[in-house]
Amino acid sequence: MFPWNFFPFDKDIQSKVKNMKPEEVNQFVQNIMGKVFESAMPNNMNPQEMMKLFQPFSETQEKRTTAGESAINYSLFETHDYIYVRINIDTDEWLTRLRLSHTSNLLLLENIPEMSHKHSIPLPSLAKKKGTTAHYKDKTLEVRIPKDIDTQYSEINVTDIV
């Protein structure tokens, strides 16, 4: 609910605004916004902390093998249209033997760091079958997967049971 009682609306507001200097208008707006955000923010949250809530989805993980040694490092984030997975490639040899594929919800990596090793990275949303691209630069493999909209739904009729 917007706190309308913070605004000093009265009959003379129009004449007050017309006669204000730009610095006074700026100070007025800052003062009003400060009052609004003080009451709206839970537990006196810092505005910088509030801005962290609006950061895009981002996930950084490290896959480990059964022996506990680091296998692959990757970061994952998504936009409105694509899912991006950035995989750190330690040696150029990995790139030559890497087999890369995906399902609608998993990115599959095979033969890195060793032959016959398999890794799967869960995707945050559904992916299209076609259109995935991968680019390698500066020891980073970036995989761009187009997102898919799930349109496979069916209507269920509800009948009365007497």
Protein backbone atom coordinates (compact mmCIF):
# COMPACT_ATOMS: atom_id res chain seq x y z
CA MET A 1 0.00 0.00 0.00
CA PHE A 2 1.40 3.39 -0.94
CA PRO A 3 1.66 5.82 2.02
CA TRP A 4 -0.28 8.77 0.59
CA ASN A 5 -0.30 10.57 3.94
CA PHE A 6 3.39 11.52 3.48
CA PHE A 7 2.56 13.97 0.70
CA PRO A 8 1.66 17.52 1.73
CA PHE A 9 -1.30 17.96 -0.62
CA ASP A 10 -3.27 21.08 0.04
CA LYS A 11 -4.90 23.90 -1.90
CA ASP A 12 -1.66 25.88 -2.28
CA ILE A 13 0.51 23.01 -3.56
CA GLN A 14 0.32 24.17 -7.19
CA SER A 15 1.58 27.67 -6.39
CA LYS A 16 4.32 26.27 -4.11
CA VAL A 17 5.63 23.98 -6.87
CA LYS A 18 5.61 26.76 -9.49
CA ASN A 19 7.69 29.04 -7.28
CA MET A 20 10.27 26.39 -6.29
CA LYS A 21 13.84 26.48 -7.54
CA PRO A 22 15.32 23.27 -9.06
CA GLU A 23 17.45 22.71 -5.94
CA GLU A 24 14.36 22.99 -3.74
CA VAL A 25 12.44 20.54 -5.96
CA ASN A 26 15.33 18.07 -5.73
CA GLN A 27 15.48 18.43 -1.94
CA PHE A 28 11.68 18.04 -1.71
CA VAL A 29 11.71 14.84 -3.79
CA GLN A 30 14.67 13.42 -1.83
CA ASN A 31 12.90 14.16 1.45
CA ILE A 32 9.64 12.53 0.34
CA MET A 33 11.39 9.46 -1.11
CA GLY A 34 13.39 9.08 2.08
CA LYS A 35 10.20 9.02 4.13
CA VAL A 36 8.52 6.55 1.78
CA PHE A 37 11.45 4.14 1.73
CA GLU A 38 11.98 4.34 5.49
CA SER A 39 8.47 3.04 6.09
CA ALA A 40 8.48 0.55 3.20
CA MET A 41 11.83 -1.13 3.88
CA PRO A 42 11.74 -4.01 6.34
CA ASN A 43 14.11 -3.77 9.30
CA ASN A 44 15.68 -0.53 8.03
CA MET A 45 17.23 -2.26 5.04
CA ASN A 46 20.08 -0.43 3.38
CA PRO A 47 19.23 0.70 -0.20
CA GLN A 48 22.37 -1.07 -1.51
CA GLU A 49 21.13 -4.30 0.07
CA MET A 50 17.76 -3.77 -1.56
CA MET A 51 19.39 -3.42 -5.00
CA LYS A 52 21.03 -6.84 -4.55
CA LEU A 53 17.54 -8.35 -4.66
CA PHE A 54 17.16 -7.14 -8.26
CA GLN A 55 20.32 -8.86 -9.56
CA PRO A 56 19.71 -11.45 -12.30
CA PHE A 57 19.80 -15.14 -11.48
CA SER A 58 23.38 -16.30 -11.31
CA GLU A 59 24.83 -19.51 -10.02
CA THR A 60 28.45 -20.54 -9.70
CA GLN A 61 29.27 -24.10 -8.81
CA GLU A 62 32.11 -26.54 -8.83
CA LYS A 63 31.49 -30.16 -9.73
CA ARG A 64 33.58 -32.66 -7.78
CA THR A 65 34.56 -36.20 -8.56
CA THR A 66 34.21 -39.05 -6.07
CA ALA A 67 37.85 -38.66 -5.01
CA GLY A 68 37.10 -35.07 -3.95
CA GLU A 69 39.35 -33.40 -6.51
CA SER A 70 37.98 -30.51 -8.52
CA ALA A 71 36.57 -31.69 -11.85
CA ILE A 72 34.90 -28.76 -13.59
CA ASN A 73 34.10 -25.18 -12.62
CA TYR A 74 31.16 -23.46 -14.25
CA SER A 75 28.86 -20.49 -13.85
CA LEU A 76 25.29 -20.37 -15.01
CA PHE A 77 22.94 -17.46 -15.63
CA GLU A 78 19.87 -16.74 -17.70
CA THR A 79 18.31 -13.86 -19.58
CA HIS A 80 14.81 -13.55 -21.02
CA ASP A 81 15.73 -15.55 -24.12
CA TYR A 82 18.85 -17.60 -23.32
CA ILE A 83 20.60 -19.69 -20.70
CA TYR A 84 24.36 -19.15 -20.53
CA VAL A 85 26.77 -21.67 -19.07
CA ARG A 86 30.45 -20.72 -18.80
CA ILE A 87 32.79 -23.63 -18.22
CA ASN A 88 36.44 -23.16 -17.25
CA ILE A 89 38.64 -25.27 -19.54
CA ASP A 90 41.98 -26.02 -17.86
CA THR A 91 43.84 -27.33 -20.91
CA ASP A 92 43.30 -27.22 -24.67
CA GLU A 93 43.33 -31.01 -24.63
CA TRP A 94 39.95 -30.92 -22.82
CA LEU A 95 38.48 -29.01 -25.72
CA THR A 96 39.55 -31.60 -28.30
CA ARG A 97 37.93 -34.54 -26.49
CA LEU A 98 34.88 -32.76 -25.03
CA ARG A 99 31.46 -34.06 -26.09
CA LEU A 100 28.74 -31.54 -25.36
CA SER A 101 24.98 -32.12 -25.57
CA HIS A 102 21.81 -31.10 -23.78
CA THR A 103 18.30 -32.21 -23.00
CA SER A 104 15.42 -29.90 -22.25
CA ASN A 105 16.65 -29.47 -18.67
CA LEU A 106 20.30 -30.68 -18.50
CA LEU A 107 23.62 -29.73 -20.10
CA LEU A 108 25.71 -32.89 -20.51
CA LEU A 109 29.53 -32.88 -20.59
CA GLU A 110 31.52 -35.98 -21.44
CA ASN A 111 35.25 -36.85 -21.47
CA ILE A 112 36.48 -34.01 -19.25
CA PRO A 113 38.68 -33.89 -17.25
CA GLU A 114 39.40 -37.52 -18.13
CA MET A 115 38.01 -39.83 -20.79
CA SER A 116 34.70 -41.49 -19.84
CA HIS A 117 33.92 -38.89 -17.15
CA LYS A 118 30.39 -37.55 -17.39
CA HIS A 119 28.89 -34.45 -15.82
CA SER A 120 25.41 -32.98 -15.98
CA ILE A 121 24.50 -29.38 -15.20
CA PRO A 122 20.83 -28.74 -14.38
CA LEU A 123 19.35 -25.85 -16.36
CA PRO A 124 17.12 -23.29 -14.61
CA SER A 125 14.41 -23.42 -17.30
CA LEU A 126 13.42 -25.49 -20.33
CA ALA A 127 15.69 -25.36 -23.38
CA LYS A 128 14.89 -25.63 -27.09
CA LYS A 129 16.23 -28.59 -29.05
CA LYS A 130 17.95 -26.49 -31.74
CA GLY A 131 19.95 -23.29 -31.76
CA THR A 132 22.57 -23.93 -29.07
CA THR A 133 26.00 -22.43 -29.74
CA ALA A 134 29.34 -22.75 -27.96
CA HIS A 135 32.32 -20.38 -28.17
CA TYR A 136 35.76 -20.81 -26.64
CA LYS A 137 37.92 -17.86 -25.60
CA ASP A 138 40.50 -17.25 -22.85
CA LYS A 139 40.15 -20.73 -21.30
CA THR A 140 36.37 -20.32 -21.03
CA LEU A 141 33.79 -22.23 -23.02
CA GLU A 142 30.52 -20.27 -23.21
CA VAL A 143 27.43 -22.27 -24.14
CA ARG A 144 24.34 -20.28 -25.16
CA ILE A 145 21.11 -22.27 -25.06
CA PRO A 146 17.83 -20.75 -26.27
CA LYS A 147 15.01 -20.99 -23.77
CA ASP A 148 11.75 -22.72 -24.59
CA ILE A 149 8.26 -21.87 -23.45
CA ASP A 150 6.40 -24.86 -22.10
CA THR A 151 3.21 -24.93 -24.15
CA GLN A 152 2.45 -28.59 -23.56
CA TYR A 153 -0.49 -28.49 -21.25
CA SER A 154 -3.87 -30.11 -21.34
CA GLU A 155 -7.23 -29.03 -20.03
CA ILE A 156 -8.87 -31.16 -17.35
CA ASN A 157 -12.64 -31.31 -17.14
CA VAL A 158 -14.15 -31.39 -13.68
CA THR A 159 -17.39 -33.31 -13.31
CA ASP A 160 -19.81 -33.32 -10.41
CA ILE A 161 -20.04 -36.55 -8.48
CA VAL A 162 -23.45 -37.04 -6.92
